[in-house]
N, C-alpha and C. Protein backbone atom coordinates (compact mmCIF):
# COMPACT_ATOMS: atom_id res chain seq x y z
N MET A 1 -19.95 8.15 36.62
CA MET A 1 -20.19 7.96 34.96
C MET A 1 -21.18 7.57 35.06
N PRO A 2 -22.40 8.41 33.94
CA PRO A 2 -23.69 8.06 33.87
C PRO A 2 -23.75 6.82 33.22
N ASP A 3 -24.84 6.08 33.43
CA ASP A 3 -25.35 4.77 32.66
C ASP A 3 -25.39 4.91 31.13
N GLN A 4 -24.72 4.26 30.67
CA GLN A 4 -24.28 4.39 28.78
C GLN A 4 -25.47 3.67 28.33
N ASP A 5 -26.19 4.27 27.19
CA ASP A 5 -27.38 3.73 26.43
C ASP A 5 -26.48 2.30 25.96
N PRO A 6 -27.06 1.31 26.11
CA PRO A 6 -26.41 0.08 25.66
C PRO A 6 -26.46 -0.14 24.26
N ASN A 7 -27.11 0.66 23.54
CA ASN A 7 -27.29 0.86 21.67
C ASN A 7 -26.50 1.77 21.36
N GLN A 8 -25.53 2.47 22.22
CA GLN A 8 -24.76 3.26 21.98
C GLN A 8 -23.58 2.74 21.27
N LEU A 9 -23.18 3.29 20.04
CA LEU A 9 -21.99 2.64 19.58
C LEU A 9 -20.77 3.24 19.84
N ASN A 10 -19.64 3.16 20.14
CA ASN A 10 -18.32 4.20 20.77
C ASN A 10 -17.28 3.67 19.50
N ILE A 11 -17.24 4.63 18.64
CA ILE A 11 -16.23 4.42 17.61
C ILE A 11 -15.15 5.40 17.55
N GLU A 12 -13.84 4.70 17.35
CA GLU A 12 -12.61 5.40 17.37
C GLU A 12 -12.20 5.47 15.81
N ILE A 13 -11.13 6.70 15.58
CA ILE A 13 -10.67 6.72 14.41
C ILE A 13 -9.05 6.97 14.59
N SER A 14 -8.13 6.37 14.05
CA SER A 14 -6.62 6.69 14.42
C SER A 14 -6.45 7.92 13.26
N GLU A 15 -5.23 8.72 13.45
CA GLU A 15 -5.38 10.00 12.64
C GLU A 15 -4.89 9.74 11.14
N ASP A 16 -4.25 8.61 11.02
CA ASP A 16 -3.80 8.39 9.22
C ASP A 16 -5.21 7.99 8.48
N ILE A 17 -6.06 7.52 9.34
CA ILE A 17 -7.35 7.02 8.83
C ILE A 17 -8.28 8.45 8.78
N ALA A 18 -8.16 9.39 9.58
CA ALA A 18 -9.00 10.42 9.85
C ALA A 18 -8.52 11.45 8.65
N GLU A 19 -7.34 11.21 8.17
CA GLU A 19 -6.67 12.28 6.87
C GLU A 19 -7.71 11.83 5.92
N GLY A 20 -7.96 10.52 5.72
CA GLY A 20 -8.91 10.16 4.57
C GLY A 20 -7.96 9.93 3.10
N GLN A 21 -8.64 9.57 2.28
CA GLN A 21 -7.94 9.33 0.90
C GLN A 21 -8.98 9.69 -0.18
N TYR A 22 -8.24 11.06 -0.85
CA TYR A 22 -9.15 11.35 -2.14
C TYR A 22 -9.24 10.05 -3.06
N ALA A 23 -10.33 10.08 -3.82
CA ALA A 23 -10.97 8.97 -4.89
C ALA A 23 -11.74 9.81 -5.63
N ASN A 24 -11.70 9.68 -6.90
CA ASN A 24 -12.35 10.46 -8.16
C ASN A 24 -12.83 9.40 -9.04
N LEU A 25 -12.73 8.02 -8.64
CA LEU A 25 -13.48 6.91 -9.33
C LEU A 25 -13.81 5.64 -8.38
N ALA A 26 -14.78 5.32 -8.68
CA ALA A 26 -15.20 4.16 -7.73
C ALA A 26 -15.70 2.74 -8.75
N ILE A 27 -14.88 1.70 -8.32
CA ILE A 27 -15.00 0.39 -9.17
C ILE A 27 -15.84 -0.29 -8.48
N ILE A 28 -17.23 -0.68 -8.87
CA ILE A 28 -17.90 -1.77 -7.89
C ILE A 28 -18.15 -2.80 -8.55
N THR A 29 -17.69 -4.13 -7.79
CA THR A 29 -18.05 -5.52 -8.52
C THR A 29 -18.77 -6.29 -7.11
N HIS A 30 -19.11 -7.27 -7.71
CA HIS A 30 -20.06 -8.47 -6.47
C HIS A 30 -19.78 -9.50 -6.89
N SER A 31 -20.18 -10.34 -5.95
CA SER A 31 -20.54 -11.84 -6.23
C SER A 31 -21.85 -12.09 -5.64
N HIS A 32 -22.33 -13.33 -5.12
CA HIS A 32 -23.49 -13.50 -4.70
C HIS A 32 -23.59 -13.10 -3.19
N SER A 33 -22.53 -13.24 -2.39
CA SER A 33 -22.51 -12.78 -1.13
C SER A 33 -21.81 -11.67 -0.68
N GLU A 34 -20.94 -10.51 -1.62
CA GLU A 34 -20.48 -9.56 -1.15
C GLU A 34 -20.27 -8.38 -2.38
N PHE A 35 -20.21 -7.32 -2.08
CA PHE A 35 -19.92 -6.41 -2.87
C PHE A 35 -18.55 -5.60 -2.62
N VAL A 36 -17.58 -5.40 -3.38
CA VAL A 36 -16.48 -4.84 -3.40
C VAL A 36 -16.29 -3.61 -4.01
N LEU A 37 -16.13 -2.64 -3.36
CA LEU A 37 -15.84 -1.02 -3.78
C LEU A 37 -14.21 -0.69 -3.68
N ASP A 38 -13.98 -0.43 -4.80
CA ASP A 38 -12.30 0.29 -5.01
C ASP A 38 -12.50 1.29 -5.13
N TYR A 39 -12.05 2.19 -4.39
CA TYR A 39 -11.68 3.85 -4.65
C TYR A 39 -10.44 3.90 -5.24
N VAL A 40 -10.53 4.82 -6.34
CA VAL A 40 -9.36 5.12 -7.21
C VAL A 40 -9.07 6.67 -7.35
N ASN A 41 -8.09 7.21 -7.23
CA ASN A 41 -7.42 8.63 -7.68
C ASN A 41 -7.17 8.43 -9.15
N VAL A 42 -7.70 9.03 -10.22
CA VAL A 42 -7.21 9.00 -11.23
C VAL A 42 -6.74 10.42 -11.81
N MET A 43 -5.74 10.57 -12.21
CA MET A 43 -4.87 11.81 -12.81
C MET A 43 -4.67 11.80 -14.11
N PRO A 44 -5.01 13.24 -14.94
CA PRO A 44 -4.86 13.27 -16.04
C PRO A 44 -3.23 13.34 -16.30
N GLY A 45 -2.98 12.26 -17.55
CA GLY A 45 -1.37 12.41 -18.19
C GLY A 45 -1.09 11.30 -17.09
N THR A 46 -1.43 10.50 -16.39
CA THR A 46 -0.84 9.46 -15.53
C THR A 46 -1.03 8.27 -16.13
N PRO A 47 -0.46 7.44 -16.49
CA PRO A 47 -0.62 6.28 -17.19
C PRO A 47 -1.26 5.26 -16.29
N LYS A 48 -1.18 5.16 -15.00
CA LYS A 48 -1.51 4.33 -14.13
C LYS A 48 -1.83 4.72 -12.82
N SER A 49 -3.15 4.41 -12.41
CA SER A 49 -3.60 4.58 -11.27
C SER A 49 -3.71 3.44 -10.25
N ARG A 50 -3.67 3.81 -8.87
CA ARG A 50 -3.81 2.62 -7.93
C ARG A 50 -5.02 2.90 -6.92
N VAL A 51 -5.35 1.65 -6.30
CA VAL A 51 -6.51 1.58 -5.70
C VAL A 51 -6.07 2.42 -4.26
N LYS A 52 -6.89 3.26 -3.73
CA LYS A 52 -6.74 4.04 -2.40
C LYS A 52 -7.00 2.94 -1.23
N ALA A 53 -8.53 2.38 -1.83
CA ALA A 53 -9.50 1.71 -0.66
C ALA A 53 -10.12 0.97 -0.93
N ARG A 54 -10.11 -0.21 -0.43
CA ARG A 54 -11.14 -1.46 -0.89
C ARG A 54 -11.74 -1.69 0.11
N ILE A 55 -13.15 -1.59 0.09
CA ILE A 55 -14.26 -1.94 1.12
C ILE A 55 -15.10 -2.99 0.59
N ILE A 56 -15.22 -4.24 1.43
CA ILE A 56 -15.89 -5.44 1.24
C ILE A 56 -17.19 -5.23 2.07
N MET A 57 -18.46 -5.46 1.48
CA MET A 57 -19.60 -5.36 2.05
C MET A 57 -20.60 -6.57 1.92
N THR A 58 -21.14 -7.03 2.81
CA THR A 58 -22.46 -7.68 2.10
C THR A 58 -23.68 -7.05 1.72
N PRO A 59 -24.51 -7.70 0.93
CA PRO A 59 -25.23 -7.28 0.09
C PRO A 59 -26.31 -6.17 0.89
N GLN A 60 -26.54 -6.66 2.10
CA GLN A 60 -27.56 -5.81 2.99
C GLN A 60 -26.84 -4.68 3.55
N HIS A 61 -25.55 -4.88 4.17
CA HIS A 61 -24.97 -3.38 4.52
C HIS A 61 -24.71 -2.30 2.98
N THR A 62 -24.55 -3.15 1.80
CA THR A 62 -24.09 -2.17 0.82
C THR A 62 -25.55 -1.58 0.58
N LYS A 63 -26.59 -1.61 0.63
CA LYS A 63 -27.92 -1.79 0.19
C LYS A 63 -28.24 -0.43 1.36
N ARG A 64 -27.79 -0.56 2.50
CA ARG A 64 -28.18 0.44 3.48
C ARG A 64 -27.13 1.52 3.33
N LEU A 65 -25.74 1.44 2.94
CA LEU A 65 -25.20 2.20 2.57
C LEU A 65 -25.59 3.04 1.24
N MET A 66 -26.29 2.84 0.36
CA MET A 66 -26.82 3.32 -0.51
C MET A 66 -28.07 4.09 -0.42
N ASN A 67 -28.64 3.40 0.62
CA ASN A 67 -29.95 4.39 1.18
C ASN A 67 -29.56 5.50 2.00
N ALA A 68 -28.67 5.41 2.77
CA ALA A 68 -27.79 6.39 3.46
C ALA A 68 -27.07 7.58 2.49
N LEU A 69 -26.49 7.04 1.51
CA LEU A 69 -26.14 8.17 0.52
C LEU A 69 -27.29 8.90 -0.05
N ARG A 70 -28.23 8.29 -0.48
CA ARG A 70 -29.57 8.87 -1.08
C ARG A 70 -30.03 9.85 -0.03
N GLU A 71 -30.23 9.65 1.32
CA GLU A 71 -30.68 10.69 2.36
C GLU A 71 -29.96 11.68 2.08
N ASN A 72 -28.60 11.42 2.51
CA ASN A 72 -27.50 12.56 2.89
C ASN A 72 -27.29 13.73 1.43
N ILE A 73 -27.54 12.93 0.41
CA ILE A 73 -27.68 13.74 -1.06
C ILE A 73 -28.84 14.44 -0.94
N GLU A 74 -29.96 13.91 -0.61
CA GLU A 74 -30.93 14.79 -0.72
C GLU A 74 -31.02 15.93 0.19
N LYS A 75 -30.53 15.69 1.59
CA LYS A 75 -30.15 16.70 2.59
C LYS A 75 -29.44 17.90 1.64
N PHE A 76 -28.25 17.41 1.61
CA PHE A 76 -27.43 18.31 1.03
C PHE A 76 -27.92 19.25 -0.19
N GLU A 77 -28.75 18.62 -1.20
CA GLU A 77 -29.23 19.21 -2.40
C GLU A 77 -30.15 20.24 -1.83
N HIS A 78 -31.17 20.00 -0.75
CA HIS A 78 -32.18 20.78 -0.05
C HIS A 78 -31.33 22.22 0.31
N VAL A 79 -30.14 22.06 1.02
CA VAL A 79 -29.48 23.12 1.73
C VAL A 79 -28.63 23.76 0.32
N ASN A 80 -27.63 23.19 -0.50
CA ASN A 80 -27.00 23.51 -1.34
C ASN A 80 -27.33 23.31 -2.81
N GLY A 81 -28.58 23.15 -3.12
CA GLY A 81 -29.03 22.91 -4.78
C GLY A 81 -28.55 21.87 -5.18
N VAL A 82 -29.15 21.68 -6.29
CA VAL A 82 -28.98 20.22 -6.98
C VAL A 82 -27.58 19.89 -7.59
N ILE A 83 -27.06 18.85 -7.04
CA ILE A 83 -25.54 18.48 -7.74
C ILE A 83 -25.56 18.32 -9.01
N LYS A 84 -25.07 18.92 -9.86
CA LYS A 84 -25.14 18.46 -11.28
C LYS A 84 -24.22 17.46 -11.46
N ASP A 85 -24.41 16.64 -12.54
CA ASP A 85 -23.85 15.29 -12.74
C ASP A 85 -22.82 15.83 -13.73
N ILE A 86 -21.63 15.02 -13.67
CA ILE A 86 -20.43 15.19 -14.60
C ILE A 86 -21.04 15.28 -16.29
N ASP A 87 -21.54 14.87 -16.65
CA ASP A 87 -22.32 14.97 -17.98
C ASP A 87 -22.74 16.67 -18.15
N ASP A 88 -23.06 17.27 -17.18
CA ASP A 88 -23.56 18.74 -17.19
C ASP A 88 -22.58 19.47 -17.41
N PHE A 89 -20.86 19.45 -17.45
CA PHE A 89 -20.04 20.49 -17.37
C PHE A 89 -18.78 19.47 -17.74
N GLN A 90 -17.84 20.46 -18.58
CA GLN A 90 -16.72 19.85 -18.90
C GLN A 90 -15.52 20.06 -18.07
N MET A 91 -14.86 19.27 -17.56
CA MET A 91 -13.90 19.35 -16.64
C MET A 91 -12.36 19.84 -17.24
N PRO A 92 -11.80 20.81 -16.89
CA PRO A 92 -10.83 21.04 -17.61
C PRO A 92 -9.58 20.02 -17.49
N LEU A 93 -8.73 19.84 -18.24
CA LEU A 93 -7.93 18.74 -18.09
C LEU A 93 -6.63 19.43 -17.64
N HIS A 94 -6.26 20.65 -17.50
CA HIS A 94 -5.16 20.99 -17.08
C HIS A 94 -5.04 21.30 -15.53
N PHE A 95 -6.49 21.14 -14.85
CA PHE A 95 -6.47 21.31 -13.45
C PHE A 95 -5.55 22.51 -12.71
N GLY A 96 -5.57 23.60 -13.74
CA GLY A 96 -4.95 24.92 -12.88
C GLY A 96 -3.46 25.08 -13.33
N GLY A 97 -2.77 23.77 -13.60
CA GLY A 97 -1.63 23.86 -14.32
C GLY A 97 -1.37 24.53 -15.61
N PRO A 98 -0.22 24.75 -15.94
CA PRO A 98 0.08 25.19 -17.52
C PRO A 98 -0.41 24.33 -18.58
N THR A 99 -0.71 24.84 -19.87
CA THR A 99 -1.32 24.16 -20.50
C THR A 99 -0.86 24.12 -21.56
N ALA A 100 -0.82 22.69 -22.30
CA ALA A 100 0.26 22.32 -23.42
C ALA A 100 -0.12 23.04 -24.27
N GLN A 101 1.06 23.53 -25.18
CA GLN A 101 0.72 24.18 -26.78
C GLN A 101 1.76 23.16 -27.85
N ALA A 102 1.07 23.34 -28.91
CA ALA A 102 1.70 22.74 -29.97
C ALA A 102 2.57 23.46 -30.93
């Protein structure tokens, strides 16, 4: 077995975590020592939504995440074009399902 780089991190992921969770809303709160990121899947016509994942991070790690997201968004937009903000288009409320009529 070749010598492993001591700085290399070996990360494993279980099947259930690898499937991921869809979220279309993030609620961010913080204290002096931590940031709490709650990821929610909000669906139209549903009176109640549930937090799908909660990530608690130090302020330093949160800032690293912000910088990593910024860098990756820049790379994505360089290849795929500018991501339009939600204010730039109207999302249909029927999501491809039947449209209600009065």
